[in-house]
C-alpha atoms as a PDB file:
ATOM      1  CA  MET A   1     -43.676  46.778  80.440  1.00  0.00           C
ATOM      2  CA  ARG A   2     -41.548  48.748  77.973  1.00  0.00           C
ATOM      3  CA  GLN A   3     -42.739  52.151  76.862  1.00  0.00           C
ATOM      4  CA  PRO A   4     -42.684  52.785  73.110  1.00  0.00           C
ATOM      5  CA  ARG A   5     -40.067  55.226  71.910  1.00  0.00           C
ATOM      6  CA  ALA A   6     -41.216  58.716  71.055  1.00  0.00           C
ATOM      7  CA  HIS A   7     -41.963  59.121  67.384  1.00  0.00           C
ATOM      8  CA  ARG A   8     -40.018  61.845  65.623  1.00  0.00           C
ATOM      9  CA  ASP A   9     -42.116  63.852  63.187  1.00  0.00           C
ATOM     10  CA  SER A  10     -40.960  63.419  59.597  1.00  0.00           C
ATOM     11  CA  PHE A  11     -41.213  67.168  58.915  1.00  0.00           C
ATOM     12  CA  ASN A  12     -38.867  68.064  61.778  1.00  0.00           C
ATOM     13  CA  PRO A  13     -35.347  68.424  60.364  1.00  0.00           C
ATOM     14  CA  GLY A  14     -33.790  68.098  63.812  1.00  0.00           C
ATOM     15  CA  PRO A  15     -31.306  70.650  65.067  1.00  0.00           C
ATOM     16  CA  VAL A  16     -31.361  73.944  63.233  1.00  0.00           C
ATOM     17  CA  GLY A  17     -28.377  74.059  60.906  1.00  0.00           C
ATOM     18  CA  ARG A  18     -27.673  76.736  58.333  1.00  0.00           C
ATOM     19  CA  LYS A  19     -27.800  80.399  59.136  1.00  0.00           C
ATOM     20  CA  GLU A  20     -28.771  83.084  56.717  1.00  0.00           C
ATOM     21  CA  ARG A  21     -29.212  86.801  56.414  1.00  0.00           C
ATOM     22  CA  ALA A  22     -32.324  87.957  54.617  1.00  0.00           C
ATOM     23  CA  ARG A  23     -33.592  91.343  53.560  1.00  0.00           C
ATOM     24  CA  PHE A  24     -37.359  91.649  53.458  1.00  0.00           C
ATOM     25  CA  VAL A  25     -39.411  94.425  51.932  1.00  0.00           C
ATOM     26  CA  PHE A  26     -42.984  94.295  53.197  1.00  0.00           C
ATOM     27  CA  ILE A  27     -45.325  96.260  50.938  1.00  0.00           C
ATOM     28  CA  GLY A  28     -48.913  97.204  51.654  1.00  0.00           C
ATOM     29  CA  ARG A  29     -51.023  99.456  53.829  1.00  0.00           C
ATOM     30  CA  LEU A  30     -48.779  99.675  56.856  1.00  0.00           C
ATOM     31  CA  ARG A  31     -49.019 101.556  60.127  1.00  0.00           C
ATOM     32  CA  THR A  32     -45.304 101.947  60.649  1.00  0.00           C
ATOM     33  CA  ASP A  33     -45.172 101.946  64.463  1.00  0.00           C
ATOM     34  CA  SER A  34     -47.461  98.942  64.715  1.00  0.00           C
ATOM     35  CA  PHE A  35     -45.696  96.905  62.033  1.00  0.00           C
ATOM     36  CA  ILE A  36     -42.184  97.620  63.372  1.00  0.00           C
ATOM     37  CA  GLU A  37     -43.198  96.682  66.911  1.00  0.00           C
ATOM     38  CA  PHE A  38     -44.791  93.488  65.554  1.00  0.00           C
ATOM     39  CA  ALA A  39     -41.682  92.572  63.501  1.00  0.00           C
ATOM     40  CA  ARG A  40     -39.296  93.220  66.406  1.00  0.00           C
ATOM     41  CA  HIS A  41     -41.454  91.154  68.749  1.00  0.00           C
ATOM     42  CA  ARG A  42     -41.601  88.227  66.303  1.00  0.00           C
ATOM     43  CA  ALA A  43     -37.837  88.393  65.741  1.00  0.00           C
ATOM     44  CA  ALA A  44     -37.209  88.374  69.503  1.00  0.00           C
ATOM     45  CA  ARG A  45     -39.531  85.383  70.011  1.00  0.00           C
ATOM     46  CA  LEU A  46     -37.654  83.496  67.291  1.00  0.00           C
ATOM     47  CA  GLY A  47     -34.221  84.522  68.588  1.00  0.00           C
ATOM     48  CA  LEU A  48     -33.344  86.418  65.402  1.00  0.00           C
ATOM     49  CA  TRP A  49     -31.243  89.529  64.898  1.00  0.00           C
ATOM     50  CA  ILE A  50     -33.236  92.320  63.222  1.00  0.00           C
ATOM     51  CA  ASP A  51     -32.410  95.739  61.816  1.00  0.00           C
ATOM     52  CA  VAL A  52     -35.088  98.050  60.452  1.00  0.00           C
ATOM     53  CA  ALA A  53     -33.486  99.600  57.370  1.00  0.00           C
ATOM     54  CA  GLN A  54     -36.162 101.761  55.679  1.00  0.00           C
ATOM     55  CA  ILE A  55     -39.624 102.895  56.678  1.00  0.00           C
ATOM     56  CA  SER A  56     -42.598 104.357  54.821  1.00  0.00           C
ATOM     57  CA  GLU A  57     -46.358 103.906  54.998  1.00  0.00           C
ATOM     58  CA  VAL A  58     -46.294 101.615  51.947  1.00  0.00           C
ATOM     59  CA  ALA A  59     -43.018  99.688  52.412  1.00  0.00           C
ATOM     60  CA  ILE A  60     -40.834  98.647  55.321  1.00  0.00           C
ATOM     61  CA  THR A  61     -37.424  97.055  54.768  1.00  0.00           C
ATOM     62  CA  VAL A  62     -35.880  94.878  57.477  1.00  0.00           C
ATOM     63  CA  ASN A  63     -32.717  92.800  57.644  1.00  0.00           C
ATOM     64  CA  VAL A  64     -32.937  89.597  59.661  1.00  0.00           C
ATOM     65  CA  SER A  65     -30.378  86.901  60.412  1.00  0.00           C
ATOM     66  CA  GLY A  66     -30.469  83.563  62.159  1.00  0.00           C
ATOM     67  CA  PRO A  67     -31.247  79.916  61.448  1.00  0.00           C
ATOM     68  CA  THR A  68     -32.850  79.468  58.027  1.00  0.00           C
ATOM     69  CA  GLU A  69     -35.991  77.783  59.368  1.00  0.00           C
ATOM     70  CA  LEU A  70     -36.615  80.602  61.838  1.00  0.00           C
ATOM     71  CA  VAL A  71     -36.040  83.281  59.206  1.00  0.00           C
ATOM     72  CA  ASP A  72     -38.721  81.500  57.159  1.00  0.00           C
ATOM     73  CA  ALA A  73     -41.063  81.548  60.167  1.00  0.00           C
ATOM     74  CA  PHE A  74     -40.412  85.282  60.588  1.00  0.00           C
ATOM     75  CA  GLU A  75     -41.394  85.889  56.964  1.00  0.00           C
ATOM     76  CA  MET A  76     -44.636  83.961  57.419  1.00  0.00           C
ATOM     77  CA  ALA A  77     -45.558  85.760  60.642  1.00  0.00           C
ATOM     78  CA  CYS A  78     -44.853  89.213  59.223  1.00  0.00           C
ATOM     79  CA  SER A  79     -46.640  88.496  55.951  1.00  0.00           C
ATOM     80  CA  LEU A  80     -49.785  88.075  58.054  1.00  0.00           C
ATOM     81  CA  GLY A  81     -48.840  91.257  59.896  1.00  0.00           C
ATOM     82  CA  PRO A  82     -50.508  92.880  62.874  1.00  0.00           C
ATOM     83  CA  TYR A  83     -54.276  93.328  62.756  1.00  0.00           C
ATOM     84  CA  ASP A  84     -54.089  96.980  61.684  1.00  0.00           C
ATOM     85  CA  CYS A  85     -51.791  96.422  58.693  1.00  0.00           C
ATOM     86  CA  LEU A  86     -52.411  94.806  55.331  1.00  0.00           C
ATOM     87  CA  VAL A  87     -49.315  93.221  53.777  1.00  0.00           C
ATOM     88  CA  LEU A  88     -49.895  92.839  50.043  1.00  0.00           C
ATOM     89  CA  GLU A  89     -46.449  91.677  48.929  1.00  0.00           C
ATOM     90  CA  VAL A  90     -43.151  90.475  50.367  1.00  0.00           C
ATOM     91  CA  ALA A  91     -39.855  90.728  48.499  1.00  0.00           C
ATOM     92  CA  ARG A  92     -36.964  88.649  49.866  1.00  0.00           C
ATOM     93  CA  ASP A  93     -33.213  88.572  49.216  1.00  0.00           C
ATOM     94  CA  ASP A  94     -31.219  85.800  50.958  1.00  0.00           C
ATOM     95  CA  ARG A  95     -27.576  85.242  51.767  1.00  0.00           C
ATOM     96  CA  VAL A  96     -26.463  81.978  53.385  1.00  0.00           C
ATOM     97  CA  LEU A  97     -23.880  82.553  56.106  1.00  0.00           C
ATOM     98  CA  ALA A  98     -20.982  80.233  56.899  1.00  0.00           C
ATOM     99  CA  ALA A  99     -21.788  77.837  59.737  1.00  0.00           C
END
């Protein structure tokens, strides 16, 4: 008996295509060490390049680059933040990189 073919989810765009560089400014009540460790860990799990640009207790600026979909996932994860930080706002500036 033939097995049915696997169904491909309609929301899955397939292979990750475009790459982008994004600058994020996370604003809120931030414990700097905790938030930076959290952001670096999320970037590593997603296979993204990250550079922490500016740090204060109310705003942390990071530059991230990689596949667009994974950069979006990074933004979502960091907007929720670690348990001891409260992210109130995220500002984002994107640049699409050549493939």
